Amino acid sequence: MDPGARASLERALGHRFRDPALLERALTHTSYANEHPPTPHHEGLGLLGDAALGLVVAERLLAESPEA
C-alpha cells in the first residue's frame, strides 16, 4: 500500500497504524498472495480476529442475558 493511500485510510478511520507491514498483510487476500509469492497474507490474522470477535460477542451476550 502506498503511503498516500495508507494516510488516507488512517484519516478516514481516525487511527494511525504503527506497523505498515502488518496493515498490508491484514489487507492482503490469500489468492493474491498465492499469485505473488512470497507475499504474506491475512489468513492467520483472520483466525485470530474471528476468535477475538467471538469472545467479545460471548461476553456481551452473557452480560445482557446471564440466565440464557
PDB file of N, CA and C in Angstrom:
ATOM      1  N   MET A   1       0.859  -1.169   0.000  1.00  0.00           N
ATOM      2  CA  MET A   1       0.000   0.000   0.000  1.00  0.00           C
ATOM      3  C   MET A   1       0.903   1.228   0.000  1.00  0.00           C
ATOM      4  N   ASP A   2       0.608   2.116  -0.917  1.00  0.00           N
ATOM      5  CA  ASP A   2       1.452   3.297  -0.985  1.00  0.00           C
ATOM      6  C   ASP A   2       1.154   4.224   0.205  1.00  0.00           C
ATOM      7  N   PRO A   3       2.138   5.022   0.613  1.00  0.00           N
ATOM      8  CA  PRO A   3       1.973   5.876   1.797  1.00  0.00           C
ATOM      9  C   PRO A   3       0.786   6.822   1.721  1.00  0.00           C
ATOM     10  N   GLY A   4       0.464   7.314   0.530  1.00  0.00           N
ATOM     11  CA  GLY A   4      -0.676   8.220   0.391  1.00  0.00           C
ATOM     12  C   GLY A   4      -1.998   7.520   0.674  1.00  0.00           C
ATOM     13  N   ALA A   5      -2.137   6.301   0.173  1.00  0.00           N
ATOM     14  CA  ALA A   5      -3.358   5.522   0.424  1.00  0.00           C
ATOM     15  C   ALA A   5      -3.472   5.176   1.903  1.00  0.00           C
ATOM     16  N   ARG A   6      -2.339   4.811   2.516  1.00  0.00           N
ATOM     17  CA  ARG A   6      -2.353   4.492   3.944  1.00  0.00           C
ATOM     18  C   ARG A   6      -2.754   5.717   4.763  1.00  0.00           C
ATOM     19  N   ALA A   7      -2.195   6.878   4.419  1.00  0.00           N
ATOM     20  CA  ALA A   7      -2.524   8.114   5.140  1.00  0.00           C
ATOM     21  C   ALA A   7      -4.007   8.431   5.001  1.00  0.00           C
ATOM     22  N   SER A   8      -4.549   8.232   3.811  1.00  0.00           N
ATOM     23  CA  SER A   8      -5.973   8.479   3.574  1.00  0.00           C
ATOM     24  C   SER A   8      -6.836   7.535   4.410  1.00  0.00           C
ATOM     25  N   LEU A   9      -6.452   6.275   4.454  1.00  0.00           N
ATOM     26  CA  LEU A   9      -7.172   5.287   5.270  1.00  0.00           C
ATOM     27  C   LEU A   9      -7.097   5.655   6.748  1.00  0.00           C
ATOM     28  N   GLU A  10      -5.920   6.047   7.209  1.00  0.00           N
ATOM     29  CA  GLU A  10      -5.754   6.425   8.611  1.00  0.00           C
ATOM     30  C   GLU A  10      -6.620   7.638   8.967  1.00  0.00           C
ATOM     31  N   ARG A  11      -6.683   8.606   8.072  1.00  0.00           N
ATOM     32  CA  ARG A  11      -7.542   9.772   8.317  1.00  0.00           C
ATOM     33  C   ARG A  11      -9.007   9.353   8.397  1.00  0.00           C
ATOM     34  N   ALA A  12      -9.429   8.500   7.469  1.00  0.00           N
ATOM     35  CA  ALA A  12     -10.830   8.069   7.437  1.00  0.00           C
ATOM     36  C   ALA A  12     -11.208   7.282   8.683  1.00  0.00           C
ATOM     37  N   LEU A  13     -10.275   6.474   9.186  1.00  0.00           N
ATOM     38  CA  LEU A  13     -10.544   5.653  10.368  1.00  0.00           C
ATOM     39  C   LEU A  13     -10.270   6.392  11.675  1.00  0.00           C
ATOM     40  N   GLY A  14      -9.505   7.473  11.603  1.00  0.00           N
ATOM     41  CA  GLY A  14      -9.114   8.176  12.816  1.00  0.00           C
ATOM     42  C   GLY A  14      -8.148   7.364  13.656  1.00  0.00           C
ATOM     43  N   HIS A  15      -7.279   6.613  12.983  1.00  0.00           N
ATOM     44  CA  HIS A  15      -6.323   5.737  13.678  1.00  0.00           C
ATOM     45  C   HIS A  15      -5.023   5.711  12.891  1.00  0.00           C
ATOM     46  N   ARG A  16      -3.894   5.793  13.594  1.00  0.00           N
ATOM     47  CA  ARG A  16      -2.590   5.700  12.947  1.00  0.00           C
ATOM     48  C   ARG A  16      -2.012   4.321  13.218  1.00  0.00           C
ATOM     49  N   PHE A  17      -1.682   3.595  12.161  1.00  0.00           N
ATOM     50  CA  PHE A  17      -1.122   2.254  12.288  1.00  0.00           C
ATOM     51  C   PHE A  17       0.371   2.339  12.551  1.00  0.00           C
ATOM     52  N   ARG A  18       0.845   1.648  13.578  1.00  0.00           N
ATOM     53  CA  ARG A  18       2.262   1.674  13.932  1.00  0.00           C
ATOM     54  C   ARG A  18       3.101   0.821  12.996  1.00  0.00           C
ATOM     55  N   ASP A  19       2.505  -0.267  12.479  1.00  0.00           N
ATOM     56  CA  ASP A  19       3.261  -1.216  11.659  1.00  0.00           C
ATOM     57  C   ASP A  19       2.622  -1.327  10.271  1.00  0.00           C
ATOM     58  N   PRO A  20       3.109  -0.539   9.298  1.00  0.00           N
ATOM     59  CA  PRO A  20       2.526  -0.571   7.956  1.00  0.00           C
ATOM     60  C   PRO A  20       2.567  -1.962   7.317  1.00  0.00           C
ATOM     61  N   ALA A  21       3.591  -2.750   7.615  1.00  0.00           N
ATOM     62  CA  ALA A  21       3.689  -4.103   7.045  1.00  0.00           C
ATOM     63  C   ALA A  21       2.565  -4.989   7.568  1.00  0.00           C
ATOM     64  N   LEU A  22       2.216  -4.845   8.828  1.00  0.00           N
ATOM     65  CA  LEU A  22       1.129  -5.637   9.401  1.00  0.00           C
ATOM     66  C   LEU A  22      -0.212  -5.212   8.801  1.00  0.00           C
ATOM     67  N   LEU A  23      -0.392  -3.926   8.578  1.00  0.00           N
ATOM     68  CA  LEU A  23      -1.609  -3.438   7.930  1.00  0.00           C
ATOM     69  C   LEU A  23      -1.725  -4.026   6.527  1.00  0.00           C
ATOM     70  N   GLU A  24      -0.636  -3.990   5.778  1.00  0.00           N
ATOM     71  CA  GLU A  24      -0.673  -4.535   4.419  1.00  0.00           C
ATOM     72  C   GLU A  24      -0.969  -6.028   4.438  1.00  0.00           C
ATOM     73  N   ARG A  25      -0.387  -6.739   5.377  1.00  0.00           N
ATOM     74  CA  ARG A  25      -0.661  -8.180   5.498  1.00  0.00           C
ATOM     75  C   ARG A  25      -2.138  -8.417   5.809  1.00  0.00           C
ATOM     76  N   ALA A  26      -2.700  -7.616   6.708  1.00  0.00           N
ATOM     77  CA  ALA A  26      -4.102  -7.772   7.092  1.00  0.00           C
ATOM     78  C   ALA A  26      -5.039  -7.523   5.922  1.00  0.00           C
ATOM     79  N   LEU A  27      -4.619  -6.697   4.969  1.00  0.00           N
ATOM     80  CA  LEU A  27      -5.471  -6.357   3.829  1.00  0.00           C
ATOM     81  C   LEU A  27      -5.192  -7.198   2.586  1.00  0.00           C
ATOM     82  N   THR A  28      -4.257  -8.154   2.677  1.00  0.00           N
ATOM     83  CA  THR A  28      -3.882  -8.968   1.519  1.00  0.00           C
ATOM     84  C   THR A  28      -4.617 -10.296   1.531  1.00  0.00           C
ATOM     85  N   HIS A  29      -5.413 -10.527   0.496  1.00  0.00           N
ATOM     86  CA  HIS A  29      -6.179 -11.768   0.376  1.00  0.00           C
ATOM     87  C   HIS A  29      -5.249 -12.924   0.009  1.00  0.00           C
ATOM     88  N   THR A  30      -5.599 -14.117   0.459  1.00  0.00           N
ATOM     89  CA  THR A  30      -4.786 -15.308   0.228  1.00  0.00           C
ATOM     90  C   THR A  30      -4.568 -15.568  -1.259  1.00  0.00           C
ATOM     91  N   SER A  31      -5.595 -15.370  -2.071  1.00  0.00           N
ATOM     92  CA  SER A  31      -5.450 -15.641  -3.508  1.00  0.00           C
ATOM     93  C   SER A  31      -4.408 -14.721  -4.142  1.00  0.00           C
ATOM     94  N   TYR A  32      -4.350 -13.457  -3.724  1.00  0.00           N
ATOM     95  CA  TYR A  32      -3.341 -12.533  -4.235  1.00  0.00           C
ATOM     96  C   TYR A  32      -1.945 -12.996  -3.809  1.00  0.00           C
ATOM     97  N   ALA A  33      -1.821 -13.378  -2.549  1.00  0.00           N
ATOM     98  CA  ALA A  33      -0.521 -13.822  -2.037  1.00  0.00           C
ATOM     99  C   ALA A  33      -0.042 -15.070  -2.767  1.00  0.00           C
ATOM    100  N   ASN A  34      -0.973 -15.972  -3.104  1.00  0.00           N
ATOM    101  CA  ASN A  34      -0.591 -17.186  -3.827  1.00  0.00           C
ATOM    102  C   ASN A  34      -0.096 -16.875  -5.231  1.00  0.00           C
ATOM    103  N   GLU A  35      -0.624 -15.831  -5.844  1.00  0.00           N
ATOM    104  CA  GLU A  35      -0.207 -15.449  -7.188  1.00  0.00           C
ATOM    105  C   GLU A  35       1.050 -14.578  -7.187  1.00  0.00           C
ATOM    106  N   HIS A  36       1.415 -14.030  -6.019  1.00  0.00           N
ATOM    107  CA  HIS A  36       2.568 -13.134  -5.918  1.00  0.00           C
ATOM    108  C   HIS A  36       3.461 -13.540  -4.740  1.00  0.00           C
ATOM    109  N   PRO A  37       4.040 -14.751  -4.792  1.00  0.00           N
ATOM    110  CA  PRO A  37       4.894 -15.166  -3.684  1.00  0.00           C
ATOM    111  C   PRO A  37       6.137 -14.289  -3.604  1.00  0.00           C
ATOM    112  N   PRO A  38       6.705 -14.082  -2.490  1.00  0.00           N
ATOM    113  CA  PRO A  38       6.394 -14.586  -1.141  1.00  0.00           C
ATOM    114  C   PRO A  38       5.546 -13.618  -0.326  1.00  0.00           C
ATOM    115  N   THR A  39       4.542 -13.008  -0.913  1.00  0.00           N
ATOM    116  CA  THR A  39       3.688 -12.043  -0.226  1.00  0.00           C
ATOM    117  C   THR A  39       2.952 -12.697   0.938  1.00  0.00           C
ATOM    118  N   PRO A  40       3.075 -12.164   2.151  1.00  0.00           N
ATOM    119  CA  PRO A  40       2.312 -12.720   3.277  1.00  0.00           C
ATOM    120  C   PRO A  40       0.833 -12.352   3.150  1.00  0.00           C
ATOM    121  N   HIS A  41      -0.036 -13.204   3.681  1.00  0.00           N
ATOM    122  CA  HIS A  41      -1.472 -12.956   3.573  1.00  0.00           C
ATOM    123  C   HIS A  41      -2.124 -12.915   4.949  1.00  0.00           C
ATOM    124  N   HIS A  42      -3.410 -12.648   4.972  1.00  0.00           N
ATOM    125  CA  HIS A  42      -4.142 -12.372   6.211  1.00  0.00           C
ATOM    126  C   HIS A  42      -4.787 -13.576   6.868  1.00  0.00           C
ATOM    127  N   GLU A  43      -4.641 -14.771   6.319  1.00  0.00           N
ATOM    128  CA  GLU A  43      -5.400 -15.915   6.813  1.00  0.00           C
ATOM    129  C   GLU A  43      -5.205 -16.157   8.313  1.00  0.00           C
ATOM    130  N   GLY A  44      -3.971 -16.158   8.772  1.00  0.00           N
ATOM    131  CA  GLY A  44      -3.718 -16.363  10.205  1.00  0.00           C
ATOM    132  C   GLY A  44      -4.300 -15.245  11.055  1.00  0.00           C
ATOM    133  N   LEU A  45      -4.220 -14.015  10.563  1.00  0.00           N
ATOM    134  CA  LEU A  45      -4.795 -12.880  11.285  1.00  0.00           C
ATOM    135  C   LEU A  45      -6.314 -12.990  11.324  1.00  0.00           C
ATOM    136  N   GLY A  46      -6.904 -13.536  10.262  1.00  0.00           N
ATOM    137  CA  GLY A  46      -8.355 -13.715  10.218  1.00  0.00           C
ATOM    138  C   GLY A  46      -8.831 -14.678  11.283  1.00  0.00           C
ATOM    139  N   LEU A  47      -8.095 -15.753  11.484  1.00  0.00           N
ATOM    140  CA  LEU A  47      -8.461 -16.717  12.525  1.00  0.00           C
ATOM    141  C   LEU A  47      -8.393 -16.072  13.908  1.00  0.00           C
ATOM    142  N   LEU A  48      -7.359 -15.294  14.130  1.00  0.00           N
ATOM    143  CA  LEU A  48      -7.215 -14.592  15.403  1.00  0.00           C
ATOM    144  C   LEU A  48      -8.334 -13.572  15.590  1.00  0.00           C
ATOM    145  N   GLY A  49      -8.653 -12.842  14.530  1.00  0.00           N
ATOM    146  CA  GLY A  49      -9.731 -11.855  14.594  1.00  0.00           C
ATOM    147  C   GLY A  49     -11.082 -12.501  14.857  1.00  0.00           C
ATOM    148  N   ASP A  50     -11.346 -13.643  14.223  1.00  0.00           N
ATOM    149  CA  ASP A  50     -12.603 -14.364  14.459  1.00  0.00           C
ATOM    150  C   ASP A  50     -12.720 -14.783  15.920  1.00  0.00           C
ATOM    151  N   ALA A  51     -11.621 -15.261  16.487  1.00  0.00           N
ATOM    152  CA  ALA A  51     -11.633 -15.687  17.889  1.00  0.00           C
ATOM    153  C   ALA A  51     -11.866 -14.494  18.816  1.00  0.00           C
ATOM    154  N   ALA A  52     -11.217 -13.376  18.540  1.00  0.00           N
ATOM    155  CA  ALA A  52     -11.401 -12.179  19.371  1.00  0.00           C
ATOM    156  C   ALA A  52     -12.835 -11.664  19.273  1.00  0.00           C
ATOM    157  N   LEU A  53     -13.394 -11.654  18.076  1.00  0.00           N
ATOM    158  CA  LEU A  53     -14.771 -11.209  17.897  1.00  0.00           C
ATOM    159  C   LEU A  53     -15.737 -12.141  18.628  1.00  0.00           C
ATOM    160  N   GLY A  54     -15.500 -13.443  18.556  1.00  0.00           N
ATOM    161  CA  GLY A  54     -16.336 -14.409  19.272  1.00  0.00           C
ATOM    162  C   GLY A  54     -16.302 -14.175  20.774  1.00  0.00           C
ATOM    163  N   LEU A  55     -15.136 -13.857  21.309  1.00  0.00           N
ATOM    164  CA  LEU A  55     -15.001 -13.580  22.738  1.00  0.00           C
ATOM    165  C   LEU A  55     -15.794 -12.339  23.129  1.00  0.00           C
ATOM    166  N   VAL A  56     -15.697 -11.284  22.338  1.00  0.00           N
ATOM    167  CA  VAL A  56     -16.409 -10.038  22.629  1.00  0.00           C
ATOM    168  C   VAL A  56     -17.920 -10.260  22.569  1.00  0.00           C
ATOM    169  N   VAL A  57     -18.382 -10.979  21.558  1.00  0.00           N
ATOM    170  CA  VAL A  57     -19.817 -11.237  21.417  1.00  0.00           C
ATOM    171  C   VAL A  57     -20.317 -12.100  22.568  1.00  0.00           C
ATOM    172  N   ALA A  58     -19.585 -13.138  22.933  1.00  0.00           N
ATOM    173  CA  ALA A  58     -19.989 -14.004  24.045  1.00  0.00           C
ATOM    174  C   ALA A  58     -20.060 -13.225  25.354  1.00  0.00           C
ATOM    175  N   GLU A  59     -19.069 -12.367  25.593  1.00  0.00           N
ATOM    176  CA  GLU A  59     -19.066 -11.561  26.810  1.00  0.00           C
ATOM    177  C   GLU A  59     -20.278 -10.627  26.846  1.00  0.00           C
ATOM    178  N   ARG A  60     -20.588 -10.034  25.732  1.00  0.00           N
ATOM    179  CA  ARG A  60     -21.733  -9.112  25.650  1.00  0.00           C
ATOM    180  C   ARG A  60     -23.054  -9.852  25.874  1.00  0.00           C
ATOM    181  N   LEU A  61     -23.181 -11.024  25.247  1.00  0.00           N
ATOM    182  CA  LEU A  61     -24.416 -11.810  25.418  1.00  0.00           C
ATOM    183  C   LEU A  61     -24.595 -12.252  26.873  1.00  0.00           C
ATOM    184  N   LEU A  62     -23.527 -12.675  27.497  1.00  0.00           N
ATOM    185  CA  LEU A  62     -23.600 -13.083  28.899  1.00  0.00           C
ATOM    186  C   LEU A  62     -23.946 -11.918  29.810  1.00  0.00           C
ATOM    187  N   ALA A  63     -23.403 -10.750  29.508  1.00  0.00           N
ATOM    188  CA  ALA A  63     -23.692  -9.564  30.328  1.00  0.00           C
ATOM    189  C   ALA A  63     -25.152  -9.165  30.204  1.00  0.00           C
ATOM    190  N   GLU A  64     -25.719  -9.294  29.003  1.00  0.00           N
ATOM    191  CA  GLU A  64     -27.096  -8.875  28.785  1.00  0.00           C
ATOM    192  C   GLU A  64     -28.114  -9.928  29.229  1.00  0.00           C
ATOM    193  N   SER A  65     -27.764 -11.195  29.134  1.00  0.00           N
ATOM    194  CA  SER A  65     -28.696 -12.271  29.487  1.00  0.00           C
ATOM    195  C   SER A  65     -27.965 -13.395  30.214  1.00  0.00           C
ATOM    196  N   PRO A  66     -27.570 -13.182  31.468  1.00  0.00           N
ATOM    197  CA  PRO A  66     -26.800 -14.203  32.174  1.00  0.00           C
ATOM    198  C   PRO A  66     -27.573 -15.504  32.387  1.00  0.00           C
ATOM    199  N   GLU A  67     -28.887 -15.454  32.345  1.00  0.00           N
ATOM    200  CA  GLU A  67     -29.687 -16.661  32.539  1.00  0.00           C
ATOM    201  C   GLU A  67     -29.805 -17.511  31.275  1.00  0.00           C
ATOM    202  N   ALA A  68     -29.412 -16.962  30.138  1.00  0.00           N
ATOM    203  CA  ALA A  68     -29.605 -17.673  28.863  1.00  0.00           C
ATOM    204  C   ALA A  68     -28.684 -18.851  28.695  1.00  0.00           C
TER     205      ALA A  68
END
